[in-house]
Amino acid sequence: MASRSILFIQTAFLGDVVLATAALEAWHAAHPEDAVDVLVRQPMEALFEGHPFVRHVHAWDKRPRTKGRDWRRLIRAIRKKRYDVVVNLHRHASSGVLTALSMAPVRLGYANNPLAWRFTHRKAHQWGDGTHEVERHMMLLSELLDNPQGEPRLYPGPEHRSEATKFAADQSVLVMPGSQWATKAWPEGQFSSLLDQTDGPVLLMGAPGERALCERLAEGRPMVSSAAGELSLLGVAAAIGMAKAVVVNDSAPMHMASAMDAPTVALFASTVPRFGFGPRSTRHVVLEPPNDMACRPCGVHGRKRCPEGHFRCGWDLSVARVHQALLKVQFGDAV
């Protein structure tokens, strides 16, 4: 079969791009002869450094002052490539317009996209029924592929593993205490108590903006160190893949752990797994607060503060349960 030129679009944030790699894996498994390109927002292009089958990465500068001008540049670049198929995994209008104006003869995307009427193939994006985002992507691809199968996957290279080795990630439990949304993060005091109970080296990691949080948690604990903000995106992926286990909130690093198939303890506070963004690692434990709360979930993406003022969904998730789950994913079977 003659090779085709395929473009995958996902211009949302880090976790969404990591989950989108499952669709790349499924397409490549079905059609390894095709040339696969991706379109992501800056700086997510760094996730595809040295990728074994991604040919080219379009990076969209979505900063307010440059977003519109760069969007027009992307339209020209995409049209010049003359793609045979464009697969849009994003549900917002901006990516819908890019898809519509690509001039590709086959344009696939979610029916929820405002520009879906300009797609040649579309599928409803199921939400809230427990269907995982990866499964939603597979259902979308089923419009063009027979029984697509794929899981998120990242490909850190030797230089990225070298980054992680400098911080002894291969000897450590990795704890990632931050989140873009405050109500998605287990409370700092709970993480502090967990560190006091954890044997062996612990490496704290996070975005540059989480450096102060990780430094506070490491202070006075000789077996705990911080590498927050010190590694590249694929350096973080390498560290996750090398670690003995990962403790993480419902956040982008959880999806990176899935892509590296790392033993994972996933903590859900204000959000719930039925939204479809839980862990995919072979060994994982999902933990939620034990009691039903009328206020939970309080939003799809979490909030900057608890609307009720008590943040019980975080505090009611006990340190003992998290510690037990950590031991389970390290040394025992986990689902």
Protein backbone atom coordinates (compact mmCIF):
# COMPACT_ATOMS: atom_id res chain seq x y z
CA MET A 1 0.00 0.00 0.00
CA ALA A 2 1.28 3.48 -0.88
CA SER A 3 2.19 5.63 2.09
CA ARG A 4 0.00 8.54 3.09
CA SER A 5 0.69 11.72 5.00
CA ILE A 6 -1.25 11.92 8.29
CA LEU A 7 -1.58 14.85 10.71
CA PHE A 8 -2.75 14.48 14.32
CA ILE A 9 -3.88 17.67 16.09
CA GLN A 10 -3.98 18.12 19.87
CA THR A 11 -3.32 21.71 20.94
CA ALA A 12 -4.45 21.40 24.56
CA PHE A 13 -2.13 20.96 27.54
CA LEU A 14 0.53 18.44 28.52
CA GLY A 15 -1.67 15.63 29.81
CA ASP A 16 -3.95 15.78 26.76
CA VAL A 17 -0.97 15.57 24.41
CA VAL A 18 0.45 12.58 26.28
CA LEU A 19 -2.91 10.77 26.03
CA ALA A 20 -3.07 11.66 22.33
CA THR A 21 0.05 9.56 21.75
CA ALA A 22 -2.16 6.49 22.11
CA ALA A 23 -3.84 7.47 18.83
CA LEU A 24 -0.43 7.79 17.15
CA GLU A 25 0.48 4.31 18.37
CA ALA A 26 -2.80 2.85 17.08
CA TRP A 27 -2.42 4.44 13.65
CA HIS A 28 1.21 3.37 13.30
CA ALA A 29 0.33 -0.19 14.31
CA ALA A 30 -2.36 -0.32 11.62
CA HIS A 31 -0.42 1.56 8.91
CA PRO A 32 3.33 1.60 9.62
CA GLU A 33 3.97 2.76 6.07
CA ASP A 34 2.23 6.11 6.65
CA ALA A 35 4.14 9.30 7.52
CA VAL A 36 2.77 10.70 10.79
CA ASP A 37 3.04 14.37 11.80
CA VAL A 38 1.64 16.10 14.88
CA LEU A 39 0.45 19.61 15.73
CA VAL A 40 0.74 20.67 19.38
CA ARG A 41 1.07 23.89 21.33
CA GLN A 42 4.51 25.09 22.39
CA PRO A 43 6.48 23.74 24.26
CA MET A 44 4.89 20.29 23.89
CA GLU A 45 6.95 19.61 20.77
CA ALA A 46 9.74 18.58 23.15
CA LEU A 47 7.78 15.39 23.91
CA PHE A 48 8.54 14.15 20.39
CA GLU A 49 12.32 14.62 20.32
CA GLY A 50 13.79 11.50 18.75
CA HIS A 51 10.36 9.89 18.32
CA PRO A 52 10.78 6.71 16.24
CA PHE A 53 7.94 7.30 13.79
CA VAL A 54 6.78 10.92 14.05
CA ARG A 55 8.15 12.66 10.97
CA HIS A 56 7.49 16.31 11.78
CA VAL A 57 6.07 18.39 14.64
CA HIS A 58 4.17 21.64 14.08
CA ALA A 59 4.33 23.82 17.21
CA TRP A 60 1.74 26.54 17.77
CA ASP A 61 2.77 29.55 19.83
CA LYS A 62 -0.50 30.18 21.70
CA ARG A 63 0.69 33.12 23.78
CA PRO A 64 -1.94 35.89 23.55
CA ARG A 65 0.22 38.32 21.56
CA THR A 66 1.33 35.77 18.98
CA LYS A 67 -1.52 33.24 18.86
CA GLY A 68 -3.42 34.72 15.90
CA ARG A 69 -0.37 35.47 13.77
CA ASP A 70 1.11 32.02 14.39
CA TRP A 71 -2.27 30.39 13.69
CA ARG A 72 -2.24 31.89 10.20
CA ARG A 73 1.31 30.61 9.70
CA LEU A 74 0.19 27.13 10.68
CA ILE A 75 -2.65 27.15 8.17
CA ARG A 76 -0.18 27.93 5.39
CA ALA A 77 2.24 25.26 6.60
CA ILE A 78 -0.46 22.60 6.87
CA ARG A 79 -1.85 23.36 3.42
CA LYS A 80 1.64 23.17 1.95
CA LYS A 81 2.07 19.65 3.38
CA ARG A 82 -1.02 18.40 1.46
CA TYR A 83 -2.05 15.89 4.11
CA ASP A 84 -4.15 12.93 3.06
CA VAL A 85 -5.77 12.59 6.51
CA VAL A 86 -6.12 15.04 9.40
CA VAL A 87 -7.21 13.63 12.77
CA ASN A 88 -8.28 16.29 15.27
CA LEU A 89 -8.27 15.06 18.88
CA HIS A 90 -9.05 18.53 20.23
CA ARG A 91 -12.62 19.76 20.69
CA HIS A 92 -12.20 23.54 20.44
CA ALA A 93 -13.03 25.77 17.51
CA SER A 94 -9.45 26.91 16.79
CA SER A 95 -8.29 23.39 15.97
CA GLY A 96 -11.55 22.77 14.11
CA VAL A 97 -10.78 25.65 11.77
CA LEU A 98 -7.26 24.32 11.23
CA THR A 99 -8.75 20.95 10.33
CA ALA A 100 -11.36 22.45 8.02
CA LEU A 101 -8.83 24.64 6.20
CA SER A 102 -6.23 21.89 5.87
CA MET A 103 -7.72 20.87 2.51
CA ALA A 104 -7.13 17.22 3.45
CA PRO A 105 -9.61 14.93 1.67
CA VAL A 106 -10.23 13.04 4.94
CA ARG A 107 -10.86 15.10 8.09
CA LEU A 108 -11.74 13.23 11.29
CA GLY A 109 -12.71 14.77 14.62
CA TYR A 110 -15.14 14.83 17.52
CA ALA A 111 -18.72 15.83 16.81
CA ASN A 112 -18.53 18.15 19.84
CA ASN A 113 -16.13 20.44 17.97
CA PRO A 114 -17.93 23.60 16.76
CA LEU A 115 -16.45 23.03 13.29
CA ALA A 116 -17.44 19.35 13.15
CA TRP A 117 -19.78 20.08 10.24
CA ARG A 118 -16.62 20.66 8.16
CA PHE A 119 -15.21 17.22 9.00
CA THR A 120 -15.71 14.28 6.63
CA HIS A 121 -15.90 11.85 9.59
CA ARG A 122 -16.95 12.57 13.17
CA LYS A 123 -17.77 10.78 16.40
CA ALA A 124 -19.41 11.96 19.63
CA HIS A 125 -17.04 12.48 22.57
CA GLN A 126 -18.56 10.51 25.46
CA TRP A 127 -18.15 12.16 28.84
CA GLY A 128 -18.76 11.18 32.46
CA ASP A 129 -19.72 7.53 31.93
CA GLY A 130 -16.32 6.08 32.86
CA THR A 131 -15.04 5.80 29.29
CA HIS A 132 -11.35 6.64 29.34
CA GLU A 133 -9.96 9.34 27.05
CA VAL A 134 -7.75 6.72 25.41
CA GLU A 135 -10.83 4.62 24.68
CA ARG A 136 -12.58 7.71 23.29
CA HIS A 137 -9.65 8.23 20.93
CA MET A 138 -9.87 4.59 19.82
CA MET A 139 -13.60 4.96 19.15
CA LEU A 140 -12.87 8.05 17.06
CA LEU A 141 -10.21 6.22 15.05
CA SER A 142 -12.62 3.34 14.46
CA GLU A 143 -14.24 5.59 11.84
CA LEU A 144 -11.12 4.93 9.73
CA LEU A 145 -9.38 1.90 11.28
CA ASP A 146 -10.55 -1.62 12.11
CA ASN A 147 -10.37 -2.28 15.86
CA PRO A 148 -7.67 0.31 16.67
CA GLN A 149 -5.51 -0.48 19.69
CA GLY A 150 -3.02 1.81 21.35
CA GLU A 151 -1.78 3.10 24.68
CA PRO A 152 0.05 6.34 25.50
CA ARG A 153 3.77 6.08 24.97
CA LEU A 154 6.75 8.42 25.22
CA TYR A 155 10.27 7.76 23.97
CA PRO A 156 12.97 9.38 26.11
CA GLY A 157 16.46 8.87 24.72
CA PRO A 158 19.83 8.24 26.36
CA GLU A 159 20.34 11.95 27.01
CA HIS A 160 17.02 12.12 28.87
CA ARG A 161 17.84 9.04 30.93
CA SER A 162 21.16 10.67 31.76
CA GLU A 163 19.26 13.70 33.10
CA ALA A 164 17.22 11.45 35.37
CA THR A 165 20.20 9.41 36.52
CA LYS A 166 21.90 12.55 37.86
CA PHE A 167 19.09 12.73 40.42
CA ALA A 168 19.18 8.98 41.22
CA ALA A 169 15.66 8.47 39.86
CA ASP A 170 16.37 4.77 39.36
CA GLN A 171 16.89 4.33 43.12
CA SER A 172 13.93 6.40 44.28
CA VAL A 173 10.22 6.57 44.83
CA LEU A 174 9.02 9.51 42.78
CA VAL A 175 6.51 11.87 44.42
CA MET A 176 4.93 14.64 42.35
CA PRO A 177 2.86 16.77 44.75
CA GLY A 178 1.77 19.65 42.51
CA SER A 179 -1.10 20.39 40.15
CA GLN A 180 -2.18 23.31 38.01
CA TRP A 181 -5.44 23.27 39.98
CA ALA A 182 -5.27 23.49 43.78
CA THR A 183 -8.27 21.24 44.40
CA LYS A 184 -6.70 18.46 42.35
CA ALA A 185 -3.70 18.33 44.65
CA TRP A 186 -3.58 16.27 47.84
CA PRO A 187 -2.78 18.74 50.67
CA GLU A 188 0.85 19.61 51.30
CA GLY A 189 0.50 18.50 54.94
CA GLN A 190 -0.62 15.05 53.81
CA PHE A 191 2.36 14.72 51.48
CA SER A 192 4.59 15.79 54.36
CA SER A 193 3.24 13.01 56.57
CA LEU A 194 3.61 10.46 53.75
CA LEU A 195 7.29 11.38 53.35
CA ASP A 196 7.84 10.77 57.06
CA GLN A 197 6.52 7.21 56.62
CA THR A 198 8.28 6.32 53.37
CA ASP A 199 11.45 4.23 53.60
CA GLY A 200 14.34 4.74 51.20
CA PRO A 201 15.16 7.60 48.85
CA VAL A 202 12.33 9.81 47.63
CA LEU A 203 12.69 12.19 44.69
CA LEU A 204 10.25 15.10 44.46
CA MET A 205 9.51 16.41 41.00
CA GLY A 206 7.27 19.02 39.41
CA ALA A 207 7.11 22.04 37.13
CA PRO A 208 9.36 25.07 37.74
CA GLY A 209 6.45 26.78 39.50
CA GLU A 210 6.33 23.90 41.99
CA ARG A 211 9.97 24.20 43.01
CA ALA A 212 9.17 26.02 46.28
CA LEU A 213 6.59 23.37 47.25
CA CYS A 214 9.06 20.54 46.64
CA GLU A 215 11.85 22.34 48.48
CA ARG A 216 9.61 22.81 51.54
CA LEU A 217 8.75 19.11 51.53
CA ALA A 218 12.41 18.09 51.18
CA GLU A 219 13.67 20.40 53.94
CA GLY A 220 14.93 18.52 56.99
CA ARG A 221 14.48 15.10 55.37
CA PRO A 222 17.88 13.63 54.40
CA MET A 223 16.34 10.85 52.30
CA VAL A 224 14.19 13.27 50.30
CA SER A 225 15.53 15.43 47.47
CA SER A 226 13.96 17.70 44.87
CA ALA A 227 14.45 17.94 41.11
CA ALA A 228 11.45 20.19 40.46
CA GLY A 229 11.99 22.31 37.36
CA GLU A 230 15.40 20.75 36.67
CA LEU A 231 14.60 18.27 33.90
CA SER A 232 13.30 18.51 30.34
CA LEU A 233 9.88 17.05 29.55
CA LEU A 234 11.39 13.81 28.31
CA GLY A 235 13.83 13.91 31.22
CA VAL A 236 10.81 13.83 33.53
CA ALA A 237 9.39 10.93 31.49
CA ALA A 238 12.69 9.07 31.83
CA ALA A 239 12.74 9.64 35.59
CA ILE A 240 9.17 8.36 35.89
CA GLY A 241 10.04 5.26 33.88
CA MET A 242 13.12 4.55 36.00
CA ALA A 243 11.55 5.12 39.44
CA LYS A 244 10.51 2.34 41.77
CA ALA A 245 6.99 3.81 41.94
CA VAL A 246 5.20 7.12 41.42
CA VAL A 247 2.74 8.96 43.68
CA VAL A 248 0.89 11.62 41.74
CA ASN A 249 -2.26 13.72 41.70
CA ASP A 250 -4.87 13.70 38.93
CA SER A 251 -2.58 15.74 36.69
CA ALA A 252 -0.39 15.59 33.59
CA PRO A 253 2.43 13.62 35.30
CA MET A 254 -0.08 10.81 35.95
CA HIS A 255 -0.52 10.47 32.19
CA MET A 256 3.25 10.54 31.73
CA ALA A 257 3.41 7.66 34.23
CA SER A 258 0.90 5.79 32.07
CA ALA A 259 3.02 6.46 28.98
CA MET A 260 6.06 5.02 30.77
CA ASP A 261 4.03 2.16 32.35
CA ALA A 262 5.32 3.12 35.80
CA PRO A 263 3.84 1.64 39.01
CA THR A 264 1.46 4.42 39.99
CA VAL A 265 -0.57 5.61 42.97
CA ALA A 266 -3.08 8.10 41.55
CA LEU A 267 -4.76 10.51 43.97
CA PHE A 268 -8.16 12.00 43.12
CA ALA A 269 -9.43 14.82 45.32
CA SER A 270 -12.01 17.15 43.75
CA THR A 271 -12.17 15.32 40.41
CA VAL A 272 -13.34 11.76 39.77
CA PRO A 273 -12.03 8.88 37.65
CA ARG A 274 -15.32 8.55 35.74
CA PHE A 275 -14.35 11.68 33.79
CA GLY A 276 -12.06 9.30 31.90
CA PHE A 277 -8.58 10.47 32.85
CA GLY A 278 -7.36 7.78 35.23
CA PRO A 279 -4.02 5.93 35.10
CA ARG A 280 -3.30 3.29 32.43
CA SER A 281 -0.17 1.70 33.90
CA THR A 282 -0.11 -2.07 34.26
CA ARG A 283 0.31 -1.68 38.05
CA HIS A 284 -1.68 1.14 39.56
CA VAL A 285 -3.97 2.03 42.44
CA VAL A 286 -6.59 4.78 42.26
CA LEU A 287 -7.44 6.44 45.58
CA GLU A 288 -10.40 8.72 46.33
CA PRO A 289 -11.86 10.10 49.58
CA PRO A 290 -13.85 7.34 51.30
CA ASN A 291 -17.14 9.19 51.71
CA ASP A 292 -19.62 10.46 49.14
CA MET A 293 -19.74 14.24 49.14
CA ALA A 294 -22.53 16.29 47.62
CA CYS A 295 -19.95 18.87 46.53
CA ARG A 296 -17.70 16.37 44.70
CA PRO A 297 -16.82 16.72 41.90
CA CYS A 298 -16.90 20.50 42.09
CA GLY A 299 -15.74 20.95 38.51
CA VAL A 300 -14.34 19.23 35.46
CA HIS A 301 -10.80 20.60 35.78
CA GLY A 302 -10.58 21.35 39.48
CA ARG A 303 -10.55 24.81 41.05
CA LYS A 304 -8.07 27.27 42.53
CA ARG A 305 -9.70 26.85 45.94
CA CYS A 306 -12.37 24.69 47.57
CA PRO A 307 -15.79 26.33 47.02
CA GLU A 308 -16.95 25.00 50.40
CA GLY A 309 -13.85 26.12 52.26
CA HIS A 310 -13.08 22.76 53.89
CA PHE A 311 -11.34 20.73 51.13
CA ARG A 312 -12.50 17.50 52.74
CA CYS A 313 -11.99 15.59 49.50
CA GLY A 314 -8.26 16.14 50.01
CA TRP A 315 -7.96 15.85 53.76
CA ASP A 316 -10.23 12.80 54.06
CA LEU A 317 -7.91 10.78 51.80
CA SER A 318 -5.71 9.37 54.55
CA VAL A 319 -1.94 9.08 54.60
CA ALA A 320 -2.26 5.47 55.74
CA ARG A 321 -4.20 4.51 52.60
CA VAL A 322 -1.71 6.21 50.32
CA HIS A 323 1.25 4.58 52.07
CA GLN A 324 -0.40 1.16 51.84
CA ALA A 325 -1.10 1.69 48.13
CA LEU A 326 2.52 2.73 47.56
CA LEU A 327 3.75 -0.51 49.11
CA LYS A 328 1.25 -2.44 47.01
CA VAL A 329 2.36 -1.06 43.64
CA GLN A 330 6.02 -1.56 44.60
CA PHE A 331 5.87 -5.04 46.05
CA GLY A 332 2.46 -6.57 45.39
CA ASP A 333 -0.21 -6.85 42.73
CA ALA A 334 -2.25 -3.82 41.82
CA VAL A 335 -5.14 -3.31 39.45
